Amino acid sequence: MTSSQLSGIDTHAHIFSRDLPLASGRRYNPDYDALVEQYLALLESCGLAHGVLVQPSFLGTDNSFMLAALDKYPERLRGIAVVMPSISADELGRLAASGVVGVRLNLVGQQLEDYSTDCWQAFFQRVAALGWSVEIQRRIEDLAQILPAILQSGVNVVIDHFGLPRGGIDPQLASHKAFLELLANQQVWLKLSAPYRSDLTAEQGAGVFELLRAASGGVERMLWGSDWPHTQFENSTSYHEQFQGIQALLGDPLEWQKVMCANPSQLFKFANTI
């Protein structure tokens, strides 16, 4: 398949090698390599043109392995970095020049902070000034506690993995209802990715999608990600299984075009992808 025949964007994948220095306090130790060439081959096997690499939390703030891949494939890839909130505007600019289009807060297992403080607000404003987004991974029960403070900075926020609603979303639960109400905010985007991280069956995933779509007013701020190489779930799923899952979820061709092409092109600064 030639590059001109490829279409669509996978917005969530990780690359690493087992010999890289690992961050302290990590929850995962890779014992294999997940290389950018392997990832690009998987994209092409599904007819996809582009990908967004997300810095894995076990590599901490050393984004150099991801940046090398962005430098090698600047037309095909973008990146989401992990940085300290004290990072300077100049350093953020250098990341932008390498193809970084956002920052990630992986808050799973982390103590939540007060994101309304001057330090955090200045950081989010620097991110917003670049036209970037802040990507958040946290269970649905806590998202409504932290999102308002982050959104007040004016930055776009991307929620990972359906919002991590273990077993599904219950609109009768106060925390779930509060999260759903925030989805009408035009700054909030959602990744339809990694249903296995919430123990969602295909039927439960479809139900969650219906609730999220209704709360968001459509799919105009939804994205898809493979979550390759499915860390901690490598033996229970695959790239092609996840791609088939989104094909089943997005049966409407117009919704497919938005989620797979138009939306990620807009948010992550890809050109000529539609």
Protein backbone atom coordinates (compact mmCIF):
# COMPACT_ATOMS: atom_id res chain seq x y z
CA MET A 1 0.00 0.00 0.00
CA THR A 2 1.48 3.37 -1.00
CA SER A 3 1.53 6.38 1.28
CA SER A 4 -1.12 8.07 -0.83
CA GLN A 5 -3.50 5.18 -0.08
CA LEU A 6 -3.07 5.43 3.70
CA SER A 7 -5.60 7.38 5.74
CA GLY A 8 -6.36 7.75 9.41
CA ILE A 9 -4.52 8.54 12.63
CA ASP A 10 -3.78 6.42 15.68
CA THR A 11 -3.45 8.92 18.53
CA HIS A 12 -2.03 6.75 21.31
CA ALA A 13 0.99 4.46 21.14
CA HIS A 14 4.24 4.01 23.04
CA ILE A 15 7.76 3.17 21.93
CA PHE A 16 10.69 2.11 24.11
CA SER A 17 13.55 -0.31 24.39
CA ARG A 18 14.34 -2.46 27.39
CA ASP A 19 17.82 -0.94 27.87
CA LEU A 20 16.64 2.64 28.45
CA PRO A 21 17.06 4.20 31.91
CA LEU A 22 13.80 3.90 33.83
CA ALA A 23 12.11 6.40 36.14
CA SER A 24 12.03 5.80 39.88
CA GLY A 25 8.67 4.88 41.35
CA ARG A 26 7.55 3.26 38.09
CA ARG A 27 4.75 0.67 38.04
CA TYR A 28 6.07 -1.28 35.04
CA ASN A 29 9.39 -2.66 33.78
CA PRO A 30 9.46 -3.54 30.07
CA ASP A 31 11.31 -6.75 29.17
CA TYR A 32 11.02 -6.28 25.40
CA ASP A 33 11.49 -3.57 22.76
CA ALA A 34 8.65 -1.65 21.15
CA LEU A 35 10.33 0.16 18.26
CA VAL A 36 9.03 2.86 15.96
CA GLU A 37 9.54 0.76 12.83
CA GLN A 38 7.39 -2.00 14.33
CA TYR A 39 4.70 0.57 15.06
CA LEU A 40 4.76 2.08 11.57
CA ALA A 41 4.41 -1.39 10.08
CA LEU A 42 1.29 -1.96 12.18
CA LEU A 43 -0.16 1.38 11.06
CA GLU A 44 0.36 0.44 7.43
CA SER A 45 -1.11 -3.03 7.92
CA CYS A 46 -4.37 -1.35 8.96
CA GLY A 47 -4.22 1.28 6.22
CA LEU A 48 -3.41 4.10 8.64
CA ALA A 49 -1.20 7.02 7.72
CA HIS A 50 -0.09 8.68 10.96
CA GLY A 51 0.49 8.09 14.64
CA VAL A 52 0.88 9.99 17.89
CA LEU A 53 3.55 8.68 20.26
CA VAL A 54 2.86 9.13 23.95
CA GLN A 55 5.80 9.18 26.36
CA PRO A 56 5.41 6.14 28.65
CA SER A 57 5.39 7.00 32.33
CA PHE A 58 8.16 4.50 33.14
CA LEU A 59 10.61 6.64 31.13
CA GLY A 60 9.78 9.74 33.15
CA THR A 61 10.70 13.12 31.68
CA ASP A 62 13.51 11.80 29.46
CA ASN A 63 11.68 12.13 26.14
CA SER A 64 14.79 11.58 24.02
CA PHE A 65 13.86 8.14 22.65
CA MET A 66 10.51 9.46 21.43
CA LEU A 67 12.07 12.65 20.08
CA ALA A 68 14.54 10.62 18.00
CA ALA A 69 11.60 8.84 16.36
CA LEU A 70 9.83 12.14 15.68
CA ASP A 71 12.98 13.51 14.09
CA LYS A 72 13.28 10.39 11.91
CA TYR A 73 9.65 10.41 10.72
CA PRO A 74 8.51 14.04 10.96
CA GLU A 75 5.68 13.73 8.44
CA ARG A 76 4.13 10.63 9.94
CA LEU A 77 4.44 11.14 13.69
CA ARG A 78 3.65 13.59 16.47
CA GLY A 79 4.45 13.28 20.17
CA ILE A 80 3.00 13.82 23.63
CA ALA A 81 5.77 14.52 26.15
CA VAL A 82 6.07 14.14 29.90
CA VAL A 83 7.63 17.22 31.48
CA MET A 84 7.87 19.02 34.79
CA PRO A 85 5.47 21.95 35.28
CA SER A 86 8.48 24.17 35.88
CA ILE A 87 9.70 23.66 32.29
CA SER A 88 10.54 26.90 30.52
CA ALA A 89 8.75 28.30 27.51
CA ASP A 90 12.00 27.97 25.55
CA GLU A 91 12.26 24.26 26.27
CA LEU A 92 8.62 23.75 25.33
CA GLY A 93 9.40 25.55 22.09
CA ARG A 94 12.26 23.15 21.39
CA LEU A 95 9.92 20.22 21.93
CA ALA A 96 7.41 21.80 19.56
CA ALA A 97 10.09 22.11 16.88
CA SER A 98 10.61 18.33 17.15
CA GLY A 99 6.93 17.54 16.61
CA VAL A 100 5.61 17.45 20.16
CA VAL A 101 1.99 18.62 20.33
CA GLY A 102 1.02 18.07 23.94
CA VAL A 103 1.99 16.98 27.44
CA ARG A 104 0.78 14.09 29.51
CA LEU A 105 -0.25 13.78 33.13
CA ASN A 106 -0.44 10.10 33.99
CA LEU A 107 -2.13 10.38 37.35
CA VAL A 108 -2.96 6.71 37.89
CA GLY A 109 -1.70 5.80 41.33
CA GLN A 110 -0.52 9.36 41.94
CA GLN A 111 -1.58 11.79 44.64
CA LEU A 112 -3.69 14.54 43.11
CA GLU A 113 -2.37 18.07 43.33
CA ASP A 114 -4.04 21.46 43.44
CA TYR A 115 -4.03 22.41 39.77
CA SER A 116 -5.33 25.89 40.49
CA THR A 117 -1.98 27.01 41.95
CA ASP A 118 0.08 29.64 40.16
CA CYS A 119 2.75 27.11 39.14
CA TRP A 120 0.31 24.76 37.48
CA GLN A 121 -1.76 27.53 35.91
CA ALA A 122 1.34 29.14 34.40
CA PHE A 123 2.35 25.74 33.01
CA PHE A 124 -1.06 25.06 31.47
CA GLN A 125 -1.10 28.55 29.97
CA ARG A 126 2.30 27.96 28.35
CA VAL A 127 0.96 24.72 26.90
CA ALA A 128 -2.19 26.44 25.66
CA ALA A 129 -0.16 29.23 24.04
CA LEU A 130 1.51 26.62 21.83
CA GLY A 131 -1.85 25.24 20.73
CA TRP A 132 -1.09 22.01 22.57
CA SER A 133 -3.30 19.86 24.79
CA VAL A 134 -2.90 18.27 28.23
CA GLU A 135 -3.53 14.53 28.19
CA ILE A 136 -4.82 13.01 31.42
CA GLN A 137 -5.01 9.41 32.56
CA ARG A 138 -7.04 8.96 35.74
CA ARG A 139 -10.05 6.93 36.79
CA ILE A 140 -13.45 8.48 36.06
CA GLU A 141 -14.26 8.82 39.76
CA ASP A 142 -11.67 11.59 40.18
CA LEU A 143 -11.79 13.44 36.86
CA ALA A 144 -14.48 15.97 37.82
CA GLN A 145 -12.36 16.94 40.84
CA ILE A 146 -9.40 18.05 38.75
CA LEU A 147 -10.71 19.07 35.34
CA PRO A 148 -12.30 22.44 36.22
CA ALA A 149 -9.04 23.87 37.57
CA ILE A 150 -7.12 22.72 34.51
CA LEU A 151 -9.75 23.96 32.07
CA GLN A 152 -9.79 27.42 33.65
CA SER A 153 -6.31 27.97 32.18
CA GLY A 154 -7.81 27.79 28.68
CA VAL A 155 -5.92 24.67 27.62
CA ASN A 156 -7.49 21.77 25.74
CA VAL A 157 -7.65 18.53 27.74
CA VAL A 158 -7.63 15.00 26.32
CA ILE A 159 -9.04 12.24 28.51
CA ASP A 160 -7.36 8.88 27.99
CA HIS A 161 -9.03 5.49 27.59
CA PHE A 162 -12.76 6.35 27.73
CA GLY A 163 -12.10 7.98 31.11
CA LEU A 164 -11.13 4.60 32.62
CA PRO A 165 -14.67 3.68 33.75
CA ARG A 166 -14.10 0.23 35.24
CA GLY A 167 -17.01 -1.96 34.17
CA GLY A 168 -18.88 0.96 32.58
CA ILE A 169 -20.39 4.36 33.35
CA ASP A 170 -23.31 4.75 35.76
CA PRO A 171 -24.94 8.19 35.32
CA GLN A 172 -26.60 7.72 38.72
CA LEU A 173 -23.23 7.87 40.46
CA ALA A 174 -22.38 11.45 41.44
CA SER A 175 -18.76 11.26 40.24
CA HIS A 176 -19.74 9.72 36.89
CA LYS A 177 -22.56 12.23 36.41
CA ALA A 178 -20.21 15.14 37.18
CA PHE A 179 -17.71 13.89 34.61
CA LEU A 180 -20.38 13.49 31.93
CA GLU A 181 -21.55 17.05 32.55
CA LEU A 182 -18.04 18.36 31.87
CA LEU A 183 -17.98 16.80 28.39
CA ALA A 184 -20.09 19.61 26.94
CA ASN A 185 -17.06 21.88 27.42
CA GLN A 186 -15.45 22.45 24.02
CA GLN A 187 -11.98 22.14 25.57
CA VAL A 188 -12.54 18.50 26.54
CA TRP A 189 -11.54 15.74 24.12
CA LEU A 190 -11.83 11.97 24.59
CA LYS A 191 -9.75 9.02 23.46
CA LEU A 192 -11.69 5.90 22.55
CA SER A 193 -8.83 3.61 23.52
CA ALA A 194 -7.79 0.64 25.67
CA PRO A 195 -11.20 -0.64 26.80
CA TYR A 196 -9.30 -3.55 28.39
CA ARG A 197 -7.83 -1.19 30.98
CA SER A 198 -11.35 -0.80 32.35
CA ASP A 199 -12.41 -4.45 31.93
CA LEU A 200 -14.96 -3.38 29.32
CA THR A 201 -16.57 -6.03 27.15
CA ALA A 202 -17.49 -5.04 23.59
CA GLU A 203 -21.09 -4.53 24.74
CA GLN A 204 -20.05 -2.41 27.72
CA GLY A 205 -17.70 -0.39 25.53
CA ALA A 206 -20.54 0.35 23.13
CA GLY A 207 -22.71 1.48 26.04
CA VAL A 208 -19.96 3.74 27.38
CA PHE A 209 -19.48 5.21 23.89
CA GLU A 210 -23.19 6.01 23.62
CA LEU A 211 -23.14 7.85 26.95
CA LEU A 212 -19.97 9.76 26.08
CA ARG A 213 -21.27 10.72 22.63
CA ALA A 214 -24.54 12.01 24.07
CA ALA A 215 -22.77 14.00 26.80
CA SER A 216 -20.29 15.44 24.28
CA GLY A 217 -22.95 16.38 21.76
CA GLY A 218 -21.46 14.13 19.08
CA VAL A 219 -18.06 12.78 18.11
CA GLU A 220 -16.42 16.07 17.06
CA ARG A 221 -13.92 15.90 19.94
CA MET A 222 -13.28 12.18 19.97
CA LEU A 223 -10.12 10.34 18.92
CA TRP A 224 -8.96 6.74 18.61
CA GLY A 225 -5.80 5.20 19.97
CA SER A 226 -4.47 1.67 19.77
CA ASP A 227 -2.52 1.90 23.05
CA TRP A 228 0.16 -0.25 21.39
CA PRO A 229 2.04 -2.24 22.64
CA HIS A 230 -0.71 -2.67 25.27
CA THR A 231 1.66 -2.68 28.26
CA GLN A 232 0.60 -5.21 30.90
CA PHE A 233 -2.00 -6.57 28.45
CA GLU A 234 0.38 -7.73 25.71
CA ASN A 235 -0.85 -11.32 25.90
CA SER A 236 -4.56 -10.54 25.93
CA THR A 237 -5.01 -8.20 22.96
CA SER A 238 -3.31 -7.02 19.78
CA TYR A 239 -3.11 -4.02 17.47
CA HIS A 240 -5.46 -5.58 14.95
CA GLU A 241 -7.97 -6.54 17.62
CA GLN A 242 -8.08 -2.94 18.84
CA PHE A 243 -8.45 -1.66 15.28
CA GLN A 244 -11.31 -4.07 14.65
CA GLY A 245 -12.90 -2.84 17.87
CA ILE A 246 -13.03 0.77 16.71
CA GLN A 247 -14.32 -0.34 13.33
CA ALA A 248 -17.21 -2.06 15.10
CA LEU A 249 -17.84 0.95 17.34
CA LEU A 250 -17.84 3.52 14.52
CA GLY A 251 -20.21 2.01 11.99
CA ASP A 252 -21.24 5.40 10.60
CA PRO A 253 -18.79 6.48 7.84
CA LEU A 254 -19.15 10.14 8.81
CA GLU A 255 -18.28 9.40 12.44
CA TRP A 256 -15.33 7.30 11.27
CA GLN A 257 -14.00 10.16 9.15
CA LYS A 258 -14.27 12.58 12.08
CA VAL A 259 -12.74 10.34 14.76
CA MET A 260 -10.02 8.80 12.60
CA CYS A 261 -9.08 11.76 10.38
CA ALA A 262 -10.58 15.21 10.91
CA ASN A 263 -10.45 15.43 14.71
CA PRO A 264 -6.86 14.24 15.24
CA SER A 265 -5.67 16.27 12.25
CA GLN A 266 -7.02 19.39 13.92
CA LEU A 267 -5.84 18.70 17.46
CA PHE A 268 -2.41 17.25 16.68
CA LYS A 269 -1.41 19.43 13.76
CA PHE A 270 -1.32 16.94 10.91
CA ALA A 271 -1.71 18.18 7.33
CA ASN A 272 -3.03 16.42 4.24
CA THR A 273 -4.51 13.47 6.14
CA ILE A 274 -8.10 13.54 4.96
